[in-house]
């Protein structure tokens, strides 16, 4: 698909323009220089013509920002990958040396460049555009992403450059919302290696990777196909302790991570092999439990450990003990830097997803319930024996079973966990969470209650 990259120095309004074009608030927009550090990719359309739109991190000089080498690397990658560049400059601030430096970079590509002079919020300000012709590009368009002016003209110019053979919507972009695309959220505390893991899966450096906690601030949606399966990966900002999250950019990032957890079909919870499961990891896992999400636990950076069975077993045991409340989540050892364990991880995601969509017949479910009741009867409630009359599976995911009983309030957590664990084992949901809903049997079925 024709690829358009939005490039410019920090705080000129790249993410606002990106959000205006795709029609939703996908990139984090905040008046803090350097907010967007990763390349965020979305499919956009104009007049029925699709194209891929990329929002890049702001270009900064290496001695002014500790992330500068990573940002420059991301932009240089886009110089190879993209077919056209929208070079965003600030009409209020005027032409800067950083703008000239970016122009020098762009001239090396011999690809079309459109200069978008942003923050031209009324016609009286349009004379500010002329100084930007000094950059040496033919197309200079005044825009205001806030006032929505000039964006249509910019899109018209972009579409002119898209060849006819690129103007059909490819099949993979038609099916993103279908059930057979597995939405995967990669979560974990900062610096656990989430972006490295995503890059290892994709085989390219799309997310910024560094050893500075909090590098990834946005959720990056990436469509990926492997072995006949389609995945939509959401690489998220690391969740930090609440006391360490200031209102501002990290506040929005944590909210975006929670949103990704809610939307995802499968959660990949990344844990640092050297640290093991920490208090913050237990809080993240509690969110997975709260939203009844299928999950796989990835112990990353396994290459930093001695490669002895007893060491790996000790780490796995510690993680299992800390995250005991999501026993269904399989554990996979991975080295993102060496790309080891990636195939096993993808296989687990597919299997977990299939179990989460699995349906069992009412007869099969009730035979399983009878088998479980023969192992251990429910305890008494107010001096009367608790009874499960029958059950049925509800539509949707994760697997949810409605059980008709005599006293719903009598079923306590320890027996509910016993039911869940045994139903998973008997019905083939070993790697998926299940949900049980207890309902009093209607009076017309009364008898023996």
Protein backbone atom coordinates (compact mmCIF):
# COMPACT_ATOMS: atom_id res chain seq x y z
CA UNK A 1 0.00 0.00 0.00
CA UNK A 2 1.17 3.57 -0.74
CA UNK A 3 2.88 4.85 2.41
CA UNK A 4 2.81 8.48 3.57
CA UNK A 5 5.01 9.60 6.46
CA UNK A 6 4.38 12.74 8.52
CA UNK A 7 7.77 14.20 9.48
CA UNK A 8 8.83 17.31 11.36
CA UNK A 9 10.50 18.65 14.46
CA UNK A 10 8.80 18.24 17.87
CA UNK A 11 5.60 20.12 18.74
CA UNK A 12 4.72 21.38 15.26
CA UNK A 13 1.41 19.46 15.29
CA UNK A 14 2.24 16.20 13.49
CA UNK A 15 0.06 14.03 15.73
CA UNK A 16 -2.86 16.49 15.58
CA UNK A 17 -2.68 16.37 11.78
CA UNK A 18 -2.38 12.57 11.84
CA UNK A 19 -5.47 12.30 14.05
CA UNK A 20 -7.39 14.75 11.86
CA UNK A 21 -6.64 12.69 8.72
CA UNK A 22 -7.53 9.28 10.18
CA UNK A 23 -10.56 10.73 11.94
CA UNK A 24 -9.89 9.53 15.47
CA UNK A 25 -7.63 10.31 18.41
CA UNK A 26 -5.05 7.58 17.91
CA UNK A 27 -1.75 9.37 18.49
CA UNK A 28 -1.36 11.01 21.87
CA UNK A 29 -1.68 14.77 21.43
CA UNK A 30 -0.25 16.93 24.20
CA UNK A 31 1.54 20.28 24.20
CA UNK A 32 4.86 18.79 25.31
CA UNK A 33 7.75 18.57 22.82
CA UNK A 34 8.71 15.03 21.89
CA UNK A 35 5.46 13.31 22.85
CA UNK A 36 5.46 10.92 19.87
CA UNK A 37 8.54 8.74 19.97
CA UNK A 38 7.33 5.74 17.99
CA UNK A 39 6.10 5.37 14.46
CA UNK A 40 2.34 4.95 14.58
CA UNK A 41 0.76 3.45 11.47
CA UNK A 42 -2.88 3.63 10.39
CA UNK A 43 -4.84 3.10 7.19
CA UNK A 44 -6.48 6.30 5.91
CA UNK A 45 -8.79 6.97 2.95
CA UNK A 46 -9.54 10.04 0.89
CA UNK A 47 -12.13 10.06 -1.91
CA UNK A 48 -12.19 6.25 -1.74
CA UNK A 49 -8.42 5.94 -2.19
CA UNK A 50 -6.61 4.13 0.66
CA UNK A 51 -3.09 4.81 1.85
CA UNK A 52 -0.94 4.01 4.87
CA UNK A 53 -0.25 6.99 7.13
CA UNK A 54 2.72 7.07 9.52
CA UNK A 55 3.18 9.47 12.42
CA UNK A 56 6.88 9.66 13.35
CA UNK A 57 8.70 10.95 16.38
CA UNK A 58 9.85 14.55 16.17
CA UNK A 59 13.32 15.14 14.71
CA UNK A 60 15.71 16.51 17.36
CA UNK A 61 19.43 17.22 17.50
CA UNK A 62 21.38 14.50 19.31
CA UNK A 63 22.74 16.79 22.02
CA UNK A 64 19.29 18.10 23.02
CA UNK A 65 17.36 14.93 23.84
CA UNK A 66 18.40 11.53 25.17
CA UNK A 67 16.01 9.86 22.71
CA UNK A 68 17.44 11.68 19.70
CA UNK A 69 19.48 8.75 18.27
CA UNK A 70 16.41 6.51 18.36
CA UNK A 71 14.14 9.13 16.80
CA UNK A 72 16.59 9.87 14.01
CA UNK A 73 16.88 6.13 13.36
CA UNK A 74 13.09 5.84 13.08
CA UNK A 75 12.87 8.77 10.65
CA UNK A 76 15.74 7.43 8.53
CA UNK A 77 13.90 4.09 8.37
CA UNK A 78 10.84 5.92 7.02
CA UNK A 79 12.99 7.60 4.37
CA UNK A 80 13.45 4.08 2.96
CA UNK A 81 9.94 2.73 3.55
CA UNK A 82 7.64 5.63 2.65
CA UNK A 83 6.55 6.77 -0.81
CA UNK A 84 5.70 10.38 0.08
CA UNK A 85 6.46 12.75 2.96
CA UNK A 86 4.30 15.39 4.59
CA UNK A 87 6.83 17.76 6.14
CA UNK A 88 5.03 19.65 8.93
CA UNK A 89 6.37 23.05 10.01
CA UNK A 90 5.08 25.62 12.51
CA UNK A 91 3.56 28.70 10.84
CA UNK A 92 3.47 30.62 14.13
CA UNK A 93 7.10 30.06 15.04
CA UNK A 94 8.44 30.44 11.51
CA UNK A 95 11.34 28.75 9.74
CA UNK A 96 14.01 27.26 12.04
CA UNK A 97 17.41 25.67 11.55
CA UNK A 98 15.92 22.30 12.54
CA UNK A 99 13.43 22.64 9.67
CA UNK A 100 16.33 23.25 7.28
CA UNK A 101 18.17 20.18 8.62
CA UNK A 102 15.11 17.99 8.04
CA UNK A 103 14.75 19.42 4.53
CA UNK A 104 18.36 18.38 3.82
CA UNK A 105 17.50 14.83 4.90
CA UNK A 106 14.36 14.71 2.77
CA UNK A 107 16.10 15.98 -0.37
CA UNK A 108 18.29 12.84 -0.33
CA UNK A 109 15.29 10.59 -1.02
CA UNK A 110 14.11 11.91 -4.43
CA UNK A 111 10.54 11.13 -3.24
CA UNK A 112 7.64 13.62 -3.25
CA UNK A 113 7.59 16.05 -0.32
CA UNK A 114 4.62 18.26 0.60
CA UNK A 115 5.29 21.02 3.13
CA UNK A 116 2.30 21.49 5.46
CA UNK A 117 2.56 24.84 7.25
CA UNK A 118 0.49 24.13 10.36
CA UNK A 119 -1.16 26.52 12.85
CA UNK A 120 -2.39 28.89 10.11
CA UNK A 121 -5.67 29.34 11.95
CA UNK A 122 -7.14 32.22 9.92
CA UNK A 123 -6.70 33.70 6.40
CA UNK A 124 -4.84 36.75 7.74
CA UNK A 125 -1.95 34.46 8.73
CA UNK A 126 -1.44 32.92 5.28
CA UNK A 127 1.38 35.32 4.38
CA UNK A 128 3.48 33.41 6.94
CA UNK A 129 3.64 30.54 4.44
CA UNK A 130 5.99 32.22 1.97
CA UNK A 131 9.21 31.95 3.98
CA UNK A 132 8.88 28.14 3.89
CA UNK A 133 9.45 28.10 0.11
CA UNK A 134 13.07 28.67 1.09
CA UNK A 135 13.18 24.94 1.98
CA UNK A 136 13.19 24.20 -1.75
CA UNK A 137 10.00 22.13 -2.15
CA UNK A 138 7.40 22.99 -4.75
CA UNK A 139 4.22 22.16 -2.80
CA UNK A 140 3.66 24.31 0.30
CA UNK A 141 0.13 24.17 1.75
CA UNK A 142 -1.20 26.18 4.73
CA UNK A 143 -3.20 24.02 7.16
CA UNK A 144 -4.77 24.20 10.58
CA UNK A 145 -5.36 20.78 12.10
CA UNK A 146 -7.34 22.46 14.89
CA UNK A 147 -9.57 24.56 12.60
CA UNK A 148 -9.66 21.73 9.99
CA UNK A 149 -8.69 24.12 7.21
CA UNK A 150 -6.33 23.14 4.42
CA UNK A 151 -6.48 19.42 5.28
CA UNK A 152 -8.68 18.61 2.27
CA UNK A 153 -6.23 20.40 -0.05
CA UNK A 154 -3.35 18.46 1.52
CA UNK A 155 -5.17 15.14 1.02
CA UNK A 156 -6.00 16.04 -2.59
CA UNK A 157 -2.30 16.56 -3.21
CA UNK A 158 -1.36 13.27 -1.50
CA UNK A 159 -3.87 11.27 -3.57
CA UNK A 160 -2.52 12.74 -6.84
CA UNK A 161 0.73 10.82 -6.22
CA UNK A 162 -0.91 7.42 -5.58
CA UNK A 163 -0.68 5.16 -8.68
CA UNK A 164 -3.86 3.57 -10.06
CA UNK A 165 -2.78 0.05 -9.10
CA UNK A 166 -2.52 1.18 -5.43
CA UNK A 167 -6.06 2.58 -5.31
CA UNK A 168 -7.94 -0.59 -4.30
CA UNK A 169 -8.38 -1.46 -0.62
CA UNK A 170 -6.31 -4.61 -0.06
CA UNK A 171 -8.04 -7.63 1.41
CA UNK A 172 -6.06 -7.56 4.65
CA UNK A 173 -7.39 -4.10 5.47
CA UNK A 174 -10.98 -5.15 4.88
CA UNK A 175 -10.88 -7.84 7.51
CA UNK A 176 -9.29 -6.06 10.46
CA UNK A 177 -12.58 -6.03 12.38
CA UNK A 178 -13.49 -9.61 11.54
CA UNK A 179 -13.23 -12.33 14.10
CA UNK A 180 -10.33 -14.06 12.37
CA UNK A 181 -7.93 -11.19 13.12
CA UNK A 182 -6.48 -11.78 16.58
CA UNK A 183 -6.08 -8.52 18.50
CA UNK A 184 -3.08 -8.82 20.83
CA UNK A 185 -2.09 -6.31 23.52
CA UNK A 186 1.54 -6.43 24.65
CA UNK A 187 1.65 -5.20 28.26
CA UNK A 188 4.12 -5.10 31.12
CA UNK A 189 5.95 -2.73 33.37
CA UNK A 190 8.36 -0.23 31.77
CA UNK A 191 11.54 -1.63 30.25
CA UNK A 192 10.41 -5.28 30.34
CA UNK A 193 11.15 -5.47 26.61
CA UNK A 194 7.70 -5.00 25.06
CA UNK A 195 8.88 -2.98 22.06
CA UNK A 196 11.83 -5.32 21.49
CA UNK A 197 9.38 -8.23 21.51
CA UNK A 198 7.12 -6.55 18.96
CA UNK A 199 10.09 -5.80 16.73
CA UNK A 200 11.28 -9.42 17.02
CA UNK A 201 7.84 -10.61 15.91
CA UNK A 202 7.61 -8.16 13.01
CA UNK A 203 11.22 -8.56 11.94
CA UNK A 204 11.70 -4.79 11.74
CA UNK A 205 12.29 -1.96 14.19
CA UNK A 206 8.96 -0.16 14.20
CA UNK A 207 8.75 0.70 17.90
CA UNK A 208 11.52 2.74 19.49
CA UNK A 209 13.73 0.43 21.57
CA UNK A 210 16.00 1.72 24.32
CA UNK A 211 16.99 0.89 27.87
CA UNK A 212 15.31 4.04 29.18
CA UNK A 213 12.06 3.17 31.03
CA UNK A 214 8.98 4.76 29.51
CA UNK A 215 10.23 4.93 25.93
CA UNK A 216 6.95 3.75 24.41
CA UNK A 217 4.14 6.18 25.10
CA UNK A 218 1.63 5.42 22.36
CA UNK A 219 -0.25 2.30 21.41
CA UNK A 220 1.01 1.18 18.02
CA UNK A 221 -1.39 -0.90 15.95
CA UNK A 222 0.40 -3.28 13.60
CA UNK A 223 -1.22 -5.82 11.29
CA UNK A 224 0.92 -8.94 10.91
CA UNK A 225 0.40 -12.31 9.21
CA UNK A 226 2.08 -15.57 10.22
CA UNK A 227 1.38 -19.14 9.17
CA UNK A 228 -2.03 -18.23 7.74
CA UNK A 229 -3.12 -16.31 10.86
CA UNK A 230 -3.65 -12.54 11.06
CA UNK A 231 -2.70 -10.60 14.18
CA UNK A 232 -3.30 -6.98 15.12
CA UNK A 233 -0.58 -6.13 17.65
CA UNK A 234 -1.07 -3.30 20.13
CA UNK A 235 2.32 -2.41 21.61
CA UNK A 236 1.49 -0.35 24.67
CA UNK A 237 3.16 2.07 27.04
CA UNK A 238 4.44 0.35 30.18
CA UNK A 239 2.15 0.55 33.19
CA UNK A 240 3.79 2.34 36.09
CA UNK A 241 2.83 2.58 39.73
CA UNK A 242 0.13 5.22 40.23
CA UNK A 243 2.30 7.27 42.56
CA UNK A 244 4.86 7.64 39.76
CA UNK A 245 2.43 8.70 37.04
CA UNK A 246 2.22 12.47 36.73
CA UNK A 247 -0.81 14.03 35.11
CA UNK A 248 0.21 14.62 31.53
CA UNK A 249 1.58 12.32 28.90
CA UNK A 250 2.09 9.23 31.10
CA UNK A 251 -1.42 9.63 32.46
CA UNK A 252 -2.79 9.30 28.92
CA UNK A 253 -0.46 6.36 28.20
CA UNK A 254 -1.73 4.33 31.16
CA UNK A 255 -5.30 5.01 30.07
CA UNK A 256 -4.42 3.91 26.54
CA UNK A 257 -2.90 0.67 27.90
CA UNK A 258 -6.07 -0.11 29.83
CA UNK A 259 -8.09 0.57 26.68
CA UNK A 260 -5.86 -1.86 24.76
CA UNK A 261 -6.33 -4.55 27.43
CA UNK A 262 -10.11 -4.17 27.17
CA UNK A 263 -10.11 -4.37 23.36
CA UNK A 264 -7.60 -7.21 22.95
CA UNK A 265 -8.49 -10.85 22.32
CA UNK A 266 -5.24 -12.07 23.89
CA UNK A 267 -2.89 -10.31 26.33
CA UNK A 268 0.88 -10.87 26.16
CA UNK A 269 2.23 -10.03 29.62
CA UNK A 270 5.98 -9.42 29.35
CA UNK A 271 8.15 -10.00 32.43
CA UNK A 272 11.88 -9.31 32.80
CA UNK A 273 13.65 -12.65 33.41
CA UNK A 274 16.22 -11.07 35.71
CA UNK A 275 13.65 -9.36 37.94
CA UNK A 276 10.95 -12.02 37.83
CA UNK A 277 7.35 -11.10 38.62
CA UNK A 278 7.26 -7.88 40.66
CA UNK A 279 4.51 -6.16 42.60
CA UNK A 280 3.70 -4.11 39.50
CA UNK A 281 3.39 -7.30 37.44
CA UNK A 282 0.82 -8.65 39.90
CA UNK A 283 -1.20 -5.45 39.46
CA UNK A 284 -1.10 -5.82 35.69
CA UNK A 285 -2.14 -9.48 35.99
CA UNK A 286 -5.04 -8.43 38.24
CA UNK A 287 -6.26 -6.23 35.38
CA UNK A 288 -6.07 -9.27 33.07
CA UNK A 289 -8.13 -11.20 35.62
CA UNK A 290 -10.56 -8.31 36.15
CA UNK A 291 -11.44 -8.15 32.45
CA UNK A 292 -11.38 -11.98 32.10
CA UNK A 293 -8.80 -11.85 29.32
CA UNK A 294 -6.95 -14.79 27.76
CA UNK A 295 -3.24 -14.27 28.31
CA UNK A 296 0.23 -15.66 27.76
CA UNK A 297 3.05 -14.82 30.17
CA UNK A 298 6.31 -14.06 28.36
CA UNK A 299 9.49 -14.25 30.43
CA UNK A 300 11.73 -12.06 28.28
CA UNK A 301 15.53 -11.56 28.29
CA UNK A 302 16.06 -15.25 29.04
CA UNK A 303 19.44 -14.91 27.26
CA UNK A 304 20.68 -12.96 30.31
CA UNK A 305 20.19 -16.00 32.59
CA UNK A 306 22.43 -19.06 32.97
CA UNK A 307 21.01 -21.62 30.55
CA UNK A 308 20.46 -24.30 33.18
CA UNK A 309 17.16 -26.10 33.69
CA UNK A 310 17.06 -25.47 37.44
CA UNK A 311 17.52 -21.70 36.91
CA UNK A 312 14.70 -21.48 34.35
CA UNK A 313 12.44 -23.63 36.52
CA UNK A 314 13.12 -21.39 39.52
CA UNK A 315 12.17 -18.26 37.55
CA UNK A 316 9.04 -19.92 36.17
CA UNK A 317 8.00 -21.08 39.65
CA UNK A 318 8.43 -17.58 41.08
CA UNK A 319 6.29 -16.09 38.30
CA UNK A 320 3.62 -18.75 38.73
CA UNK A 321 3.47 -18.18 42.49
CA UNK A 322 3.19 -14.40 42.12
CA UNK A 323 0.54 -14.61 39.38
CA UNK A 324 -1.33 -17.59 40.85
CA UNK A 325 -4.73 -16.00 40.10
CA UNK A 326 -4.29 -16.43 36.32
CA UNK A 327 -3.29 -20.12 36.33
CA UNK A 328 -4.65 -20.64 32.82
CA UNK A 329 -2.03 -18.37 31.21
CA UNK A 330 0.81 -20.45 29.66
CA UNK A 331 4.41 -19.35 30.27
CA UNK A 332 6.82 -18.90 27.34
CA UNK A 333 10.55 -18.15 27.63
CA UNK A 334 11.69 -15.62 25.03
CA UNK A 335 14.78 -13.70 24.03
CA UNK A 336 13.52 -10.79 21.95
CA UNK A 337 17.05 -9.63 21.10
CA UNK A 338 17.99 -13.09 19.79
CA UNK A 339 14.47 -13.75 18.40
CA UNK A 340 14.19 -17.02 20.31
CA UNK A 341 10.83 -18.38 21.42
CA UNK A 342 8.87 -16.18 18.97
CA UNK A 343 7.37 -19.11 17.05
CA UNK A 344 6.20 -20.78 20.28
CA UNK A 345 4.68 -17.50 21.44
CA UNK A 346 2.69 -17.09 18.21
CA UNK A 347 1.51 -20.70 18.42
CA UNK A 348 0.32 -20.12 22.00
CA UNK A 349 -1.55 -16.96 20.99
CA UNK A 350 -3.42 -18.85 18.25
CA UNK A 351 -4.27 -21.75 20.56
CA UNK A 352 -5.43 -19.44 23.34
CA UNK A 353 -7.57 -17.47 20.90
CA UNK A 354 -9.18 -20.63 19.54
CA UNK A 355 -10.00 -21.81 23.06
CA UNK A 356 -11.50 -18.42 23.90
CA UNK A 357 -13.90 -18.78 20.95
CA UNK A 358 -14.66 -22.44 21.60
CA UNK A 359 -18.25 -23.54 22.22
CA UNK A 360 -19.45 -26.74 23.87
CA UNK A 361 -22.87 -28.36 23.65
CA UNK A 362 -25.31 -28.17 26.56
CA UNK A 363 -25.18 -31.95 26.98
CA UNK A 364 -21.38 -31.95 27.13
CA UNK A 365 -21.40 -29.13 29.66
CA UNK A 366 -23.92 -30.82 31.96
CA UNK A 367 -22.07 -34.13 31.83
CA UNK A 368 -18.95 -32.24 32.90
CA UNK A 369 -20.87 -30.61 35.75
CA UNK A 370 -22.10 -34.01 36.98
CA UNK A 371 -18.55 -35.32 36.87
CA UNK A 372 -17.30 -32.34 38.92
CA UNK A 373 -20.16 -32.67 41.45
CA UNK A 374 -19.24 -36.32 41.96
CA UNK A 375 -15.71 -35.20 42.92
CA UNK A 376 -16.89 -32.61 45.44
CA UNK A 377 -20.38 -31.46 46.29
CA UNK A 378 -21.01 -27.79 46.99
CA UNK A 379 -20.99 -26.82 50.67
CA UNK A 380 -24.19 -26.14 52.61
CA UNK A 381 -25.74 -22.69 52.71
CA UNK A 382 -27.88 -21.69 55.67
CA UNK A 383 -28.19 -25.31 56.61
CA UNK A 384 -29.36 -26.43 53.15
CA UNK A 385 -27.32 -28.22 50.46
CA UNK A 386 -26.39 -26.12 47.43
CA UNK A 387 -27.50 -27.58 44.10
CA UNK A 388 -26.54 -27.01 40.46
CA UNK A 389 -29.47 -28.06 38.27
CA UNK A 390 -28.03 -27.46 34.81
CA UNK A 391 -25.89 -25.09 32.78
CA UNK A 392 -25.63 -23.57 29.32
CA UNK A 393 -22.90 -21.63 27.48
CA UNK A 394 -23.69 -18.05 26.53
CA UNK A 395 -22.64 -16.41 23.26
CA UNK A 396 -19.40 -14.48 22.91
CA UNK A 397 -15.98 -14.63 24.49
CA UNK A 398 -14.38 -15.44 26.82
CA UNK A 399 -16.35 -18.65 27.45
CA UNK A 400 -19.20 -17.81 29.81
CA UNK A 401 -21.47 -20.40 31.42
CA UNK A 402 -24.84 -19.70 33.00
CA UNK A 403 -25.53 -22.14 35.85
CA UNK A 404 -29.02 -22.52 37.29
CA UNK A 405 -28.83 -23.19 41.03
CA UNK A 406 -31.00 -23.00 44.14
CA UNK A 407 -29.07 -20.27 46.03
CA UNK A 408 -26.76 -18.16 43.81
CA UNK A 409 -25.45 -16.19 46.79
CA UNK A 410 -24.33 -19.43 48.47
CA UNK A 411 -21.56 -20.15 45.95
CA UNK A 412 -18.37 -18.66 47.38
CA UNK A 413 -15.06 -17.93 45.71
CA UNK A 414 -13.17 -21.09 46.71
CA UNK A 415 -15.85 -23.40 45.23
CA UNK A 416 -16.27 -21.20 42.15
CA UNK A 417 -12.49 -21.54 41.50
CA UNK A 418 -12.83 -25.31 41.92
CA UNK A 419 -15.63 -25.36 39.32
CA UNK A 420 -13.70 -23.13 36.91
CA UNK A 421 -10.46 -25.14 37.10
CA UNK A 422 -12.24 -28.46 36.55
CA UNK A 423 -14.46 -27.17 33.74
CA UNK A 424 -11.37 -25.83 31.95
CA UNK A 425 -9.63 -29.19 32.24
CA UNK A 426 -12.62 -31.38 31.25
CA UNK A 427 -13.93 -29.17 28.41
CA UNK A 428 -10.57 -28.19 26.87
CA UNK A 429 -10.27 -24.60 28.09
CA UNK A 430 -6.92 -25.15 29.85
CA UNK A 431 -5.41 -21.95 28.42
CA UNK A 432 -8.47 -19.69 28.51
CA UNK A 433 -10.29 -17.95 31.35
CA UNK A 434 -13.92 -18.87 31.84
CA UNK A 435 -16.70 -16.97 33.51
CA UNK A 436 -19.47 -18.50 35.63
CA UNK A 437 -22.81 -16.77 36.25
CA UNK A 438 -25.11 -18.23 38.89
CA UNK A 439 -28.85 -17.72 38.58
CA UNK A 440 -31.72 -18.97 40.70
CA UNK A 441 -33.87 -21.50 38.87
CA UNK A 442 -37.27 -20.11 37.94
CA UNK A 443 -40.19 -21.20 40.11
CA UNK A 444 -41.80 -23.29 37.37
CA UNK A 445 -38.80 -25.61 37.58
CA UNK A 446 -39.09 -25.82 41.39
CA UNK A 447 -38.71 -29.06 43.16
CA UNK A 448 -35.99 -30.25 45.42
CA UNK A 449 -34.71 -26.72 45.93
